[in-house]
Amino acid sequence: MKQLTIIKIGGNVIDNSENLHQFLLDFTALPGDKILVHGGGKIATELGESLGVEAKMVDGRRITDIETLRIVTMVYAGLINKNMVAQLQAKGSNAIGLTGADGNIIKAKKRPIKKIDYGFVGDLDEHSVSSTTLDSLLKAGLVPVLCAITHDGETQLLNTNADTIASSVAVAMSALYETRLVYCFEKKGVLKDVTDDDSVVREIKADEFNGLKADGTIQGGMIPKLHNAFEAIKKGVSAVYIGKANELAELAVGTFGTKMLK
């Protein structure tokens, strides 16, 4: 079975042009088939504030009203996605930038209102990702670059957590490829002490996750990231790593960062 690497990028890597340039060079150099998934929350937040739209977050997840949806669509599907695709093309990677609506690649369902109304946020299930469409793009020699915008199949665009997209794509593609999932951000991995960049937890088992949440080791945006990581491992992804983007070559083979275990 061929190997596929799915990389999710976010945080200050996207915000910093030098960091992004180096990351995309490293991404291009990775051997084999690959898919890039990106967010861009900080840029969306900054644009929203300049337009008088304040970002609202709950446990690391964005509340998406109609104005916020317009902003994240412009930023994720437009500004960030096309900038990254243009840079990848210049580096010799034949990238194609996509939302979930393009080719019906990712179909989501609007999150139901329970204790919190998340607005126009899309949730995914085991049928959401079209692995056959992504496979056809890979076989055509293209590198899919997926942003955090999905759709419901009935004209409505939805904001979907990029970590969730990366996990769901990895799970769907694991039926066709030996799939690795790599979450890149600004830290060296999951840290025992957020003030100490060298306090990396090298491995985390699924049954340790709740304890690390309870004692505050894992908090904020790391909670959904690790939840998605363990869901991927549970559902057939061969390996999941979390770590710093500027060590991508080592991170992608598990010699750097934090590794998720069953």
C-alpha atoms as a PDB file:
ATOM      1  CA  MET A   1       0.000   0.000   0.000  1.00  0.00           C
ATOM      2  CA  LYS A   2       1.358   3.424  -0.991  1.00  0.00           C
ATOM      3  CA  GLN A   3       2.149   5.950   1.719  1.00  0.00           C
ATOM      4  CA  LEU A   4       0.290   9.249   2.054  1.00  0.00           C
ATOM      5  CA  THR A   5       1.264  12.105   4.363  1.00  0.00           C
ATOM      6  CA  ILE A   6      -1.394  14.593   5.470  1.00  0.00           C
ATOM      7  CA  ILE A   7      -0.004  17.781   6.995  1.00  0.00           C
ATOM      8  CA  LYS A   8      -2.092  20.305   8.893  1.00  0.00           C
ATOM      9  CA  ILE A   9      -0.521  23.747   9.236  1.00  0.00           C
ATOM     10  CA  GLY A  10      -1.713  26.692  11.301  1.00  0.00           C
ATOM     11  CA  GLY A  11      -0.631  29.104  13.999  1.00  0.00           C
ATOM     12  CA  ASN A  12       2.138  31.603  13.509  1.00  0.00           C
ATOM     13  CA  VAL A  13       3.632  29.594  10.634  1.00  0.00           C
ATOM     14  CA  ILE A  14       0.963  31.006   8.327  1.00  0.00           C
ATOM     15  CA  ASP A  15       1.195  34.465   9.898  1.00  0.00           C
ATOM     16  CA  ASN A  16       4.966  34.780   9.365  1.00  0.00           C
ATOM     17  CA  SER A  17       6.050  34.964   5.707  1.00  0.00           C
ATOM     18  CA  GLU A  18       9.586  33.663   6.377  1.00  0.00           C
ATOM     19  CA  ASN A  19       8.302  30.714   8.416  1.00  0.00           C
ATOM     20  CA  LEU A  20       5.711  29.921   5.758  1.00  0.00           C
ATOM     21  CA  HIS A  21       8.298  30.090   2.963  1.00  0.00           C
ATOM     22  CA  GLN A  22      10.578  27.624   4.767  1.00  0.00           C
ATOM     23  CA  PHE A  23       7.696  25.321   5.687  1.00  0.00           C
ATOM     24  CA  LEU A  24       6.492  25.142   2.081  1.00  0.00           C
ATOM     25  CA  LEU A  25      10.038  24.341   0.926  1.00  0.00           C
ATOM     26  CA  ASP A  26      10.179  21.510   3.469  1.00  0.00           C
ATOM     27  CA  PHE A  27       6.695  20.342   2.496  1.00  0.00           C
ATOM     28  CA  THR A  28       7.662  20.240  -1.185  1.00  0.00           C
ATOM     29  CA  ALA A  29      10.733  18.158  -0.298  1.00  0.00           C
ATOM     30  CA  LEU A  30       8.705  15.487   1.512  1.00  0.00           C
ATOM     31  CA  PRO A  31       8.729  12.271  -0.531  1.00  0.00           C
ATOM     32  CA  GLY A  32       5.582  10.564  -1.763  1.00  0.00           C
ATOM     33  CA  ASP A  33       1.954  11.623  -2.025  1.00  0.00           C
ATOM     34  CA  LYS A  34       0.771  14.360   0.309  1.00  0.00           C
ATOM     35  CA  ILE A  35      -2.159  16.600   1.177  1.00  0.00           C
ATOM     36  CA  LEU A  36      -1.917  19.955   2.954  1.00  0.00           C
ATOM     37  CA  VAL A  37      -4.708  21.196   5.240  1.00  0.00           C
ATOM     38  CA  HIS A  38      -4.625  24.717   6.664  1.00  0.00           C
ATOM     39  CA  GLY A  39      -6.476  27.055   8.957  1.00  0.00           C
ATOM     40  CA  GLY A  40      -5.661  30.734   9.413  1.00  0.00           C
ATOM     41  CA  GLY A  41      -7.576  31.780  12.481  1.00  0.00           C
ATOM     42  CA  LYS A  42      -5.300  34.616  13.570  1.00  0.00           C
ATOM     43  CA  ILE A  43      -5.491  36.371  10.206  1.00  0.00           C
ATOM     44  CA  ALA A  44      -9.275  35.903  10.159  1.00  0.00           C
ATOM     45  CA  THR A  45      -9.490  37.332  13.674  1.00  0.00           C
ATOM     46  CA  GLU A  46      -7.379  40.367  12.740  1.00  0.00           C
ATOM     47  CA  LEU A  47      -9.428  41.069   9.610  1.00  0.00           C
ATOM     48  CA  GLY A  48     -12.653  40.631  11.571  1.00  0.00           C
ATOM     49  CA  GLU A  49     -11.506  43.121  14.207  1.00  0.00           C
ATOM     50  CA  SER A  50     -10.593  45.649  11.524  1.00  0.00           C
ATOM     51  CA  LEU A  51     -14.162  45.271  10.218  1.00  0.00           C
ATOM     52  CA  GLY A  52     -15.700  45.506  13.676  1.00  0.00           C
ATOM     53  CA  VAL A  53     -16.474  41.785  14.011  1.00  0.00           C
ATOM     54  CA  GLU A  54     -15.150  40.374  17.274  1.00  0.00           C
ATOM     55  CA  ALA A  55     -13.992  36.744  17.380  1.00  0.00           C
ATOM     56  CA  LYS A  56     -15.785  34.534  19.905  1.00  0.00           C
ATOM     57  CA  MET A  57     -14.147  31.256  20.963  1.00  0.00           C
ATOM     58  CA  VAL A  58     -15.287  28.362  23.187  1.00  0.00           C
ATOM     59  CA  ASP A  59     -12.699  25.686  24.114  1.00  0.00           C
ATOM     60  CA  GLY A  60     -10.551  26.637  21.148  1.00  0.00           C
ATOM     61  CA  ARG A  61     -13.433  26.564  18.666  1.00  0.00           C
ATOM     62  CA  ARG A  62     -14.729  29.629  16.826  1.00  0.00           C
ATOM     63  CA  ILE A  63     -18.362  30.762  17.007  1.00  0.00           C
ATOM     64  CA  THR A  64     -19.297  31.483  13.382  1.00  0.00           C
ATOM     65  CA  ASP A  65     -22.140  33.929  12.803  1.00  0.00           C
ATOM     66  CA  ILE A  66     -22.944  35.051   9.257  1.00  0.00           C
ATOM     67  CA  GLU A  67     -20.468  37.957   9.289  1.00  0.00           C
ATOM     68  CA  THR A  68     -17.718  35.716  10.643  1.00  0.00           C
ATOM     69  CA  LEU A  69     -18.503  33.124   7.970  1.00  0.00           C
ATOM     70  CA  ARG A  70     -17.980  35.743   5.266  1.00  0.00           C
ATOM     71  CA  ILE A  71     -14.652  36.720   6.798  1.00  0.00           C
ATOM     72  CA  VAL A  72     -13.290  33.197   7.243  1.00  0.00           C
ATOM     73  CA  THR A  73     -14.381  32.274   3.706  1.00  0.00           C
ATOM     74  CA  MET A  74     -12.499  35.269   2.300  1.00  0.00           C
ATOM     75  CA  VAL A  75      -9.409  34.552   4.400  1.00  0.00           C
ATOM     76  CA  TYR A  76      -9.226  30.744   4.338  1.00  0.00           C
ATOM     77  CA  ALA A  77     -10.510  29.968   0.832  1.00  0.00           C
ATOM     78  CA  GLY A  78      -9.140  33.130  -0.753  1.00  0.00           C
ATOM     79  CA  LEU A  79      -6.187  34.986   0.713  1.00  0.00           C
ATOM     80  CA  ILE A  80      -4.368  32.164   2.520  1.00  0.00           C
ATOM     81  CA  ASN A  81      -5.240  29.241   0.242  1.00  0.00           C
ATOM     82  CA  LYS A  82      -4.299  30.930  -3.026  1.00  0.00           C
ATOM     83  CA  ASN A  83      -1.156  32.491  -1.571  1.00  0.00           C
ATOM     84  CA  MET A  84       0.022  29.056  -0.429  1.00  0.00           C
ATOM     85  CA  VAL A  85      -0.848  27.445  -3.766  1.00  0.00           C
ATOM     86  CA  ALA A  86       1.066  30.143  -5.669  1.00  0.00           C
ATOM     87  CA  GLN A  87       4.102  29.633  -3.428  1.00  0.00           C
ATOM     88  CA  LEU A  88       3.961  25.852  -3.839  1.00  0.00           C
ATOM     89  CA  GLN A  89       3.796  26.224  -7.620  1.00  0.00           C
ATOM     90  CA  ALA A  90       6.916  28.419  -7.502  1.00  0.00           C
ATOM     91  CA  LYS A  91       8.655  25.698  -5.500  1.00  0.00           C
ATOM     92  CA  GLY A  92       7.831  22.973  -8.010  1.00  0.00           C
ATOM     93  CA  SER A  93       4.812  21.448  -6.266  1.00  0.00           C
ATOM     94  CA  ASN A  94       1.769  21.200  -8.549  1.00  0.00           C
ATOM     95  CA  ALA A  95      -0.758  22.263  -5.908  1.00  0.00           C
ATOM     96  CA  ILE A  96      -4.497  22.749  -6.276  1.00  0.00           C
ATOM     97  CA  GLY A  97      -6.352  24.837  -3.693  1.00  0.00           C
ATOM     98  CA  LEU A  98      -9.771  23.600  -2.636  1.00  0.00           C
ATOM     99  CA  THR A  99     -12.680  24.100  -0.282  1.00  0.00           C
ATOM    100  CA  GLY A 100     -14.865  21.180   0.716  1.00  0.00           C
ATOM    101  CA  ALA A 101     -17.419  22.332  -1.867  1.00  0.00           C
ATOM    102  CA  ASP A 102     -14.987  21.891  -4.768  1.00  0.00           C
ATOM    103  CA  GLY A 103     -15.583  18.480  -6.283  1.00  0.00           C
ATOM    104  CA  ASN A 104     -17.845  17.791  -3.286  1.00  0.00           C
ATOM    105  CA  ILE A 105     -14.663  16.735  -1.463  1.00  0.00           C
ATOM    106  CA  ILE A 106     -15.936  17.467   2.055  1.00  0.00           C
ATOM    107  CA  LYS A 107     -19.641  17.581   2.830  1.00  0.00           C
ATOM    108  CA  ALA A 108     -20.522  18.645   6.371  1.00  0.00           C
ATOM    109  CA  LYS A 109     -23.618  19.009   8.528  1.00  0.00           C
ATOM    110  CA  LYS A 110     -24.384  22.228  10.374  1.00  0.00           C
ATOM    111  CA  ARG A 111     -23.677  21.667  14.043  1.00  0.00           C
ATOM    112  CA  PRO A 112     -26.939  21.321  16.010  1.00  0.00           C
ATOM    113  CA  ILE A 113     -27.631  23.816  18.774  1.00  0.00           C
ATOM    114  CA  LYS A 114     -27.188  22.267  22.219  1.00  0.00           C
ATOM    115  CA  LYS A 115     -25.722  24.232  25.122  1.00  0.00           C
ATOM    116  CA  ILE A 116     -23.874  26.484  22.668  1.00  0.00           C
ATOM    117  CA  ASP A 117     -24.936  27.819  19.271  1.00  0.00           C
ATOM    118  CA  TYR A 118     -21.755  27.625  17.183  1.00  0.00           C
ATOM    119  CA  GLY A 119     -23.494  29.186  14.186  1.00  0.00           C
ATOM    120  CA  PHE A 120     -22.392  28.199  10.676  1.00  0.00           C
ATOM    121  CA  VAL A 121     -20.011  25.475  11.800  1.00  0.00           C
ATOM    122  CA  GLY A 122     -19.836  22.163   9.976  1.00  0.00           C
ATOM    123  CA  ASP A 123     -19.399  18.788  11.642  1.00  0.00           C
ATOM    124  CA  LEU A 124     -18.036  15.775   9.793  1.00  0.00           C
ATOM    125  CA  ASP A 125     -18.829  12.071   9.914  1.00  0.00           C
ATOM    126  CA  GLU A 126     -17.428   8.927   8.321  1.00  0.00           C
ATOM    127  CA  HIS A 127     -19.175   9.731   5.008  1.00  0.00           C
ATOM    128  CA  SER A 128     -18.078  13.385   4.728  1.00  0.00           C
ATOM    129  CA  VAL A 129     -14.821  13.022   2.795  1.00  0.00           C
ATOM    130  CA  SER A 130     -14.734  11.871  -0.837  1.00  0.00           C
ATOM    131  CA  SER A 131     -11.616   9.706  -0.778  1.00  0.00           C
ATOM    132  CA  THR A 132     -12.140   8.718  -4.430  1.00  0.00           C
ATOM    133  CA  THR A 133     -11.991  12.349  -5.576  1.00  0.00           C
ATOM    134  CA  LEU A 134      -8.885  13.074  -3.529  1.00  0.00           C
ATOM    135  CA  ASP A 135      -7.317   9.859  -4.809  1.00  0.00           C
ATOM    136  CA  SER A 136      -7.976  10.895  -8.403  1.00  0.00           C
ATOM    137  CA  LEU A 137      -6.255  14.240  -7.791  1.00  0.00           C
ATOM    138  CA  LEU A 138      -3.233  12.515  -6.263  1.00  0.00           C
ATOM    139  CA  LYS A 139      -3.048  10.074  -9.177  1.00  0.00           C
ATOM    140  CA  ALA A 140      -3.104  13.060 -11.538  1.00  0.00           C
ATOM    141  CA  GLY A 141       0.056  14.322  -9.849  1.00  0.00           C
ATOM    142  CA  LEU A 142      -1.662  17.138  -7.972  1.00  0.00           C
ATOM    143  CA  VAL A 143      -1.106  18.179  -4.351  1.00  0.00           C
ATOM    144  CA  PRO A 144      -4.479  19.092  -2.760  1.00  0.00           C
ATOM    145  CA  VAL A 145      -4.384  22.109  -0.440  1.00  0.00           C
ATOM    146  CA  LEU A 146      -7.572  22.064   1.621  1.00  0.00           C
ATOM    147  CA  CYS A 147      -8.831  25.057   3.577  1.00  0.00           C
ATOM    148  CA  ALA A 148     -11.210  24.999   6.536  1.00  0.00           C
ATOM    149  CA  ILE A 149     -14.374  25.738   4.532  1.00  0.00           C
ATOM    150  CA  THR A 150     -16.838  22.916   3.797  1.00  0.00           C
ATOM    151  CA  HIS A 151     -20.448  22.847   2.549  1.00  0.00           C
ATOM    152  CA  ASP A 152     -23.722  21.096   3.324  1.00  0.00           C
ATOM    153  CA  GLY A 153     -24.664  20.165  -0.266  1.00  0.00           C
ATOM    154  CA  GLU A 154     -27.566  22.620  -0.188  1.00  0.00           C
ATOM    155  CA  THR A 155     -25.675  25.861  -1.018  1.00  0.00           C
ATOM    156  CA  GLN A 156     -24.539  26.652   2.544  1.00  0.00           C
ATOM    157  CA  LEU A 157     -20.831  27.080   3.207  1.00  0.00           C
ATOM    158  CA  LEU A 158     -19.675  26.067   6.684  1.00  0.00           C
ATOM    159  CA  ASN A 159     -16.632  26.783   8.822  1.00  0.00           C
ATOM    160  CA  THR A 160     -15.054  23.496   9.923  1.00  0.00           C
ATOM    161  CA  ASN A 161     -12.137  23.086  12.302  1.00  0.00           C
ATOM    162  CA  ALA A 162      -9.011  22.440  10.208  1.00  0.00           C
ATOM    163  CA  ASP A 163      -7.713  19.882  12.708  1.00  0.00           C
ATOM    164  CA  THR A 164     -10.970  17.970  12.284  1.00  0.00           C
ATOM    165  CA  ILE A 165     -10.686  18.153   8.502  1.00  0.00           C
ATOM    166  CA  ALA A 166      -7.128  16.809   8.624  1.00  0.00           C
ATOM    167  CA  SER A 167      -8.183  13.940  10.894  1.00  0.00           C
ATOM    168  CA  SER A 168     -11.250  13.065   8.788  1.00  0.00           C
ATOM    169  CA  VAL A 169      -9.282  13.180   5.536  1.00  0.00           C
ATOM    170  CA  ALA A 170      -6.590  10.966   7.054  1.00  0.00           C
ATOM    171  CA  VAL A 171      -9.168   8.419   8.222  1.00  0.00           C
ATOM    172  CA  ALA A 172     -10.950   8.378   4.852  1.00  0.00           C
ATOM    173  CA  MET A 173      -7.703   7.999   2.912  1.00  0.00           C
ATOM    174  CA  SER A 174      -6.407   5.240   5.195  1.00  0.00           C
ATOM    175  CA  ALA A 175      -8.577   2.765   3.259  1.00  0.00           C
ATOM    176  CA  LEU A 176      -6.495   3.505   0.159  1.00  0.00           C
ATOM    177  CA  TYR A 177      -3.081   4.444   1.547  1.00  0.00           C
ATOM    178  CA  GLU A 178      -0.852   3.865   4.555  1.00  0.00           C
ATOM    179  CA  THR A 179      -1.642   7.255   6.010  1.00  0.00           C
ATOM    180  CA  ARG A 180       0.362   9.466   8.357  1.00  0.00           C
ATOM    181  CA  LEU A 181      -1.144  12.579   9.917  1.00  0.00           C
ATOM    182  CA  VAL A 182       1.108  15.431  11.027  1.00  0.00           C
ATOM    183  CA  TYR A 183      -0.102  18.470  12.971  1.00  0.00           C
ATOM    184  CA  CYS A 184       2.361  21.368  12.636  1.00  0.00           C
ATOM    185  CA  PHE A 185       2.271  24.439  14.832  1.00  0.00           C
ATOM    186  CA  GLU A 186       4.644  26.781  16.692  1.00  0.00           C
ATOM    187  CA  LYS A 187       5.594  24.487  19.595  1.00  0.00           C
ATOM    188  CA  LYS A 188       7.961  21.495  19.607  1.00  0.00           C
ATOM    189  CA  GLY A 189       5.105  19.197  20.593  1.00  0.00           C
ATOM    190  CA  VAL A 190       2.713  18.739  23.508  1.00  0.00           C
ATOM    191  CA  LEU A 191       4.444  20.389  26.478  1.00  0.00           C
ATOM    192  CA  LYS A 192       4.358  19.335  30.132  1.00  0.00           C
ATOM    193  CA  ASP A 193       5.003  22.997  30.991  1.00  0.00           C
ATOM    194  CA  VAL A 194       3.766  25.629  28.526  1.00  0.00           C
ATOM    195  CA  THR A 195       6.514  28.002  29.702  1.00  0.00           C
ATOM    196  CA  ASP A 196       9.244  25.482  28.851  1.00  0.00           C
ATOM    197  CA  ASP A 197       9.562  24.768  25.131  1.00  0.00           C
ATOM    198  CA  ASP A 198      11.811  21.782  25.822  1.00  0.00           C
ATOM    199  CA  SER A 199       9.332  19.959  28.099  1.00  0.00           C
ATOM    200  CA  VAL A 200       7.984  17.879  25.209  1.00  0.00           C
ATOM    201  CA  VAL A 201       5.873  14.831  25.971  1.00  0.00           C
ATOM    202  CA  ARG A 202       7.291  12.332  23.454  1.00  0.00           C
ATOM    203  CA  GLU A 203       4.341   9.920  23.504  1.00  0.00           C
ATOM    204  CA  ILE A 204       0.745  10.118  24.736  1.00  0.00           C
ATOM    205  CA  LYS A 205      -1.621   7.188  25.021  1.00  0.00           C
ATOM    206  CA  ALA A 206      -5.336   7.635  24.463  1.00  0.00           C
ATOM    207  CA  ASP A 207      -6.159   6.696  28.062  1.00  0.00           C
ATOM    208  CA  GLU A 208      -3.809   9.455  29.322  1.00  0.00           C
ATOM    209  CA  PHE A 209      -5.630  12.206  27.424  1.00  0.00           C
ATOM    210  CA  ASN A 210      -8.371  12.896  29.985  1.00  0.00           C
ATOM    211  CA  GLY A 211      -5.863  13.080  32.809  1.00  0.00           C
ATOM    212  CA  LEU A 212      -3.741  15.615  30.943  1.00  0.00           C
ATOM    213  CA  LYS A 213      -6.864  17.715  30.324  1.00  0.00           C
ATOM    214  CA  ALA A 214      -7.892  17.489  33.969  1.00  0.00           C
ATOM    215  CA  ASP A 215      -4.518  18.635  35.324  1.00  0.00           C
ATOM    216  CA  GLY A 216      -4.295  21.527  32.831  1.00  0.00           C
ATOM    217  CA  THR A 217      -1.370  20.168  30.815  1.00  0.00           C
ATOM    218  CA  ILE A 218      -3.608  20.209  27.734  1.00  0.00           C
ATOM    219  CA  GLN A 219      -5.942  23.170  27.400  1.00  0.00           C
ATOM    220  CA  GLY A 220      -7.500  25.630  24.940  1.00  0.00           C
ATOM    221  CA  GLY A 221      -6.950  24.876  21.277  1.00  0.00           C
ATOM    222  CA  MET A 222      -4.833  21.807  22.062  1.00  0.00           C
ATOM    223  CA  ILE A 223      -7.942  19.969  23.328  1.00  0.00           C
ATOM    224  CA  PRO A 224      -9.702  19.634  19.934  1.00  0.00           C
ATOM    225  CA  LYS A 225      -6.330  19.039  18.237  1.00  0.00           C
ATOM    226  CA  LEU A 226      -5.536  16.027  20.414  1.00  0.00           C
ATOM    227  CA  HIS A 227      -9.129  14.786  20.322  1.00  0.00           C
ATOM    228  CA  ASN A 228      -8.867  14.672  16.526  1.00  0.00           C
ATOM    229  CA  ALA A 229      -5.442  13.032  16.714  1.00  0.00           C
ATOM    230  CA  PHE A 230      -6.717  10.168  18.861  1.00  0.00           C
ATOM    231  CA  GLU A 231      -9.840   9.757  16.718  1.00  0.00           C
ATOM    232  CA  ALA A 232      -7.565   9.306  13.692  1.00  0.00           C
ATOM    233  CA  ILE A 233      -5.415   6.665  15.413  1.00  0.00           C
ATOM    234  CA  LYS A 234      -8.511   4.821  16.620  1.00  0.00           C
ATOM    235  CA  LYS A 235      -9.977   4.718  13.108  1.00  0.00           C
ATOM    236  CA  GLY A 236      -7.042   3.340  11.162  1.00  0.00           C
ATOM    237  CA  VAL A 237      -4.471   6.092  10.553  1.00  0.00           C
ATOM    238  CA  SER A 238      -1.028   4.502  10.889  1.00  0.00           C
ATOM    239  CA  ALA A 239       0.693   7.334  12.787  1.00  0.00           C
ATOM    240  CA  VAL A 240      -0.116  10.792  14.172  1.00  0.00           C
ATOM    241  CA  TYR A 241       2.550  13.332  15.150  1.00  0.00           C
ATOM    242  CA  ILE A 242       2.337  16.842  16.605  1.00  0.00           C
ATOM    243  CA  GLY A 243       5.214  19.293  16.599  1.00  0.00           C
ATOM    244  CA  LYS A 244       7.005  22.342  15.288  1.00  0.00           C
ATOM    245  CA  ALA A 245       6.679  23.157  11.600  1.00  0.00           C
ATOM    246  CA  ASN A 246      10.342  24.018  11.109  1.00  0.00           C
ATOM    247  CA  GLU A 247      11.264  20.398  11.901  1.00  0.00           C
ATOM    248  CA  LEU A 248       8.880  18.936   9.342  1.00  0.00           C
ATOM    249  CA  ALA A 249      11.250  16.344   7.854  1.00  0.00           C
ATOM    250  CA  GLU A 250      11.943  14.811  11.280  1.00  0.00           C
ATOM    251  CA  LEU A 251       8.381  15.305  12.518  1.00  0.00           C
ATOM    252  CA  ALA A 252       6.879  13.471   9.538  1.00  0.00           C
ATOM    253  CA  VAL A 253       8.817  10.298  10.399  1.00  0.00           C
ATOM    254  CA  GLY A 254       8.328  10.507  14.165  1.00  0.00           C
ATOM    255  CA  THR A 255      11.845  11.455  15.296  1.00  0.00           C
ATOM    256  CA  PHE A 256      10.654  14.829  16.592  1.00  0.00           C
ATOM    257  CA  GLY A 257       7.595  16.112  18.442  1.00  0.00           C
ATOM    258  CA  THR A 258       4.834  14.138  20.175  1.00  0.00           C
ATOM    259  CA  LYS A 259       3.495  10.814  18.928  1.00  0.00           C
ATOM    260  CA  MET A 260      -0.071   9.674  19.611  1.00  0.00           C
ATOM    261  CA  LEU A 261      -0.518   6.057  20.691  1.00  0.00           C
ATOM    262  CA  LYS A 262      -3.638   3.881  20.925  1.00  0.00           C
END
